[in-house]
Protein backbone atom coordinates (compact mmCIF):
# COMPACT_ATOMS: atom_id res chain seq x y z
CA MET A 1 6.14 15.55 -25.67
CA THR A 2 3.12 16.52 -27.58
CA GLY A 3 -0.22 15.47 -25.92
CA LEU A 4 1.24 14.05 -22.85
CA ASN A 5 0.12 16.02 -19.74
CA THR A 6 0.95 15.51 -16.06
CA ALA A 7 -2.04 13.53 -15.29
CA SER A 8 -1.30 10.98 -18.08
CA LEU A 9 2.23 10.79 -17.22
CA ARG A 10 1.38 9.98 -13.58
CA TRP A 11 -1.10 7.25 -14.92
CA SER A 12 1.64 5.84 -16.92
CA ILE A 13 4.04 5.68 -14.02
CA ARG A 14 1.39 4.09 -11.82
CA SER A 15 0.51 1.53 -14.48
CA LEU A 16 4.26 0.67 -14.76
CA ALA A 17 4.40 0.21 -10.86
CA VAL A 18 1.48 -2.24 -11.17
CA CYS A 19 3.12 -4.08 -13.90
CA THR A 20 6.39 -4.38 -11.84
CA VAL A 21 4.32 -6.01 -9.03
CA LEU A 22 2.76 -8.45 -11.48
CA ALA A 23 6.15 -9.18 -13.10
CA THR A 24 7.54 -9.91 -9.52
CA VAL A 25 4.68 -12.42 -9.03
CA ALA A 26 5.11 -14.12 -12.34
CA ILE A 27 8.95 -14.28 -12.52
CA GLY A 28 9.82 -14.57 -8.89
CA ALA A 29 6.91 -16.70 -7.42
CA GLY A 30 9.21 -19.82 -6.88
CA ARG A 31 11.89 -17.76 -5.14
CA LEU A 32 9.48 -15.79 -3.15
CA ALA A 33 7.48 -18.74 -2.12
CA ALA A 34 10.61 -20.23 -0.51
CA GLN A 35 11.02 -17.27 1.85
CA ASP A 36 9.69 -17.07 5.37
CA ASP A 37 6.32 -15.50 5.69
CA ARG A 38 5.78 -12.12 7.33
CA LYS A 39 9.16 -11.15 9.08
CA PRO A 40 9.06 -8.20 11.36
CA TRP A 41 9.32 -4.92 9.52
CA PRO A 42 9.65 -2.13 12.11
CA ALA A 43 9.63 1.40 11.06
CA PRO A 44 12.32 3.67 12.56
CA ASP A 45 11.14 5.40 15.78
CA ALA A 46 11.42 8.91 14.08
CA ALA A 47 8.93 7.73 11.35
CA ARG A 48 6.62 6.20 13.92
CA GLN A 49 6.29 9.64 15.60
CA VAL A 50 5.12 11.49 12.43
CA LYS A 51 1.50 12.47 12.49
CA ASN A 52 -0.81 12.54 9.45
CA PRO A 53 -1.49 16.13 8.34
CA PHE A 54 -4.42 15.06 6.31
CA PRO A 55 -7.66 14.45 8.33
CA ALA A 56 -9.84 11.37 7.53
CA ASN A 57 -12.53 13.60 5.99
CA PRO A 58 -14.74 12.47 3.07
CA GLU A 59 -12.51 14.19 0.51
CA ASN A 60 -9.27 12.53 1.74
CA LEU A 61 -11.04 9.16 2.18
CA ALA A 62 -12.33 9.25 -1.36
CA ALA A 63 -8.90 10.24 -2.74
CA GLY A 64 -7.21 7.46 -0.63
CA GLU A 65 -9.79 4.98 -1.90
CA LEU A 66 -9.03 5.73 -5.52
CA THR A 67 -5.33 5.44 -4.91
CA PHE A 68 -5.82 2.12 -3.16
CA LYS A 69 -8.00 0.66 -5.94
CA THR A 70 -5.46 1.97 -8.60
CA ASN A 71 -2.29 0.77 -6.80
CA CYS A 72 -2.79 -1.45 -3.84
CA MET A 73 -5.96 -3.59 -4.37
CA ILE A 74 -4.24 -5.94 -6.88
CA CYS A 75 -2.05 -7.22 -3.89
CA HIS A 76 -3.98 -6.27 -0.70
CA GLY A 77 -7.40 -7.21 -2.05
CA GLU A 78 -10.63 -5.25 -2.28
CA GLN A 79 -11.16 -5.03 1.49
CA GLY A 80 -7.51 -4.88 2.32
CA LYS A 81 -7.23 -8.41 3.60
CA GLY A 82 -3.97 -9.22 1.87
CA ASP A 83 -5.88 -11.54 -0.58
CA GLY A 84 -5.46 -9.67 -3.90
CA ILE A 85 -5.05 -11.76 -7.10
CA ALA A 86 -1.40 -10.65 -7.43
CA GLY A 87 -0.71 -11.05 -3.80
CA LYS A 88 -1.59 -14.73 -3.71
CA GLY A 89 1.91 -15.94 -4.78
CA LEU A 90 3.91 -13.46 -2.86
CA LYS A 91 6.08 -14.17 0.31
CA PRO A 92 5.91 -12.33 2.46
CA THR A 93 2.16 -12.09 1.93
CA PRO A 94 0.71 -8.68 1.59
CA ALA A 95 -0.48 -7.01 4.77
CA ASN A 96 -3.95 -7.55 6.03
CA PHE A 97 -5.28 -4.26 6.91
CA THR A 98 -8.39 -5.64 8.60
CA ASP A 99 -6.14 -7.34 11.30
CA SER A 100 -6.86 -5.15 14.38
CA LYS A 101 -3.90 -6.56 16.28
CA MET A 102 -1.39 -5.81 13.54
CA MET A 103 -3.00 -2.35 12.78
CA GLY A 104 -3.04 -1.39 16.46
CA MET A 105 0.74 -1.75 16.45
CA GLU A 106 1.26 0.59 13.49
CA THR A 107 1.23 4.35 13.86
CA ASP A 108 0.13 6.48 10.86
CA GLY A 109 3.77 7.46 10.51
CA SER A 110 4.94 3.83 10.36
CA LEU A 111 2.28 3.09 7.71
CA PHE A 112 3.38 6.08 5.67
CA TRP A 113 6.98 5.21 6.05
CA LYS A 114 6.43 1.49 5.03
CA MET A 115 4.51 2.47 1.92
CA SER A 116 7.01 5.14 1.04
CA GLU A 117 10.04 2.93 1.41
CA GLY A 118 8.54 -0.52 0.40
CA ARG A 119 10.28 -3.86 0.80
CA ASP A 120 10.55 -6.78 -1.39
CA PRO A 121 8.07 -7.63 -3.01
CA MET A 122 6.23 -4.38 -2.25
CA PRO A 123 7.42 -1.42 -4.52
CA THR A 124 8.66 1.89 -3.04
CA TRP A 125 5.84 4.29 -3.44
CA LYS A 126 7.54 7.59 -2.59
CA ASP A 127 8.65 8.05 -6.19
CA ILE A 128 5.29 7.21 -7.73
CA LEU A 129 2.68 8.65 -5.22
CA SER A 130 2.87 12.17 -3.84
CA GLU A 131 3.11 12.80 -0.17
CA LYS A 132 -0.40 13.82 0.04
CA GLU A 133 -1.58 10.61 -1.74
CA ARG A 134 0.35 8.47 0.64
CA TRP A 135 -1.18 10.17 3.73
CA GLN A 136 -4.67 9.79 2.16
CA LEU A 137 -3.92 6.15 1.60
CA VAL A 138 -3.03 5.91 5.33
CA ASP A 139 -6.44 7.45 6.14
CA TYR A 140 -8.33 4.88 3.78
CA ILE A 141 -6.32 1.89 5.10
CA ARG A 142 -7.45 2.85 8.65
CA LYS A 143 -11.00 3.14 7.36
CA LEU A 144 -10.73 -0.46 5.81
CA ASN A 145 -9.64 -1.63 9.29
CA LYS A 146 -12.42 0.23 11.11
CA ASP A 147 -15.20 -1.02 8.59
CA ALA A 148 -13.99 -4.56 8.85
CA ASN A 149 -14.16 -4.61 12.54
CA ALA A 150 -17.39 -2.73 12.96
CA LYS A 151 -19.32 -5.87 11.82
């Protein structure tokens, strides 16, 4: 492929993932709205035990923020409250990362596993985002919770 580098290919894949989420909202809103809201979604014990190898330093947080804004904000909202434009018609509703009770029950490993594996209507991100990007996203999601509850 002439003129198509790795960065533009990754951008195209990410754009396709966002379009998939939007199509799920547009096409399946009626079906999804009939489902129960927020059913338990436990991560396996082995996944819960996995530690984040990327510290929440400024570099990783900035990278996580960019990934969040590019891929997650459309459903989870700008502050991670689960109120993004594409998330409004989804059932179950997108997670509210500012909910301290919910976030207190999640380990870094469980957050990583959930974003990697996905569940309807959330896409599986392990084939789209690198392992490092997903761990940086965990760091940023933790920051969203901390910032929201520092007020």
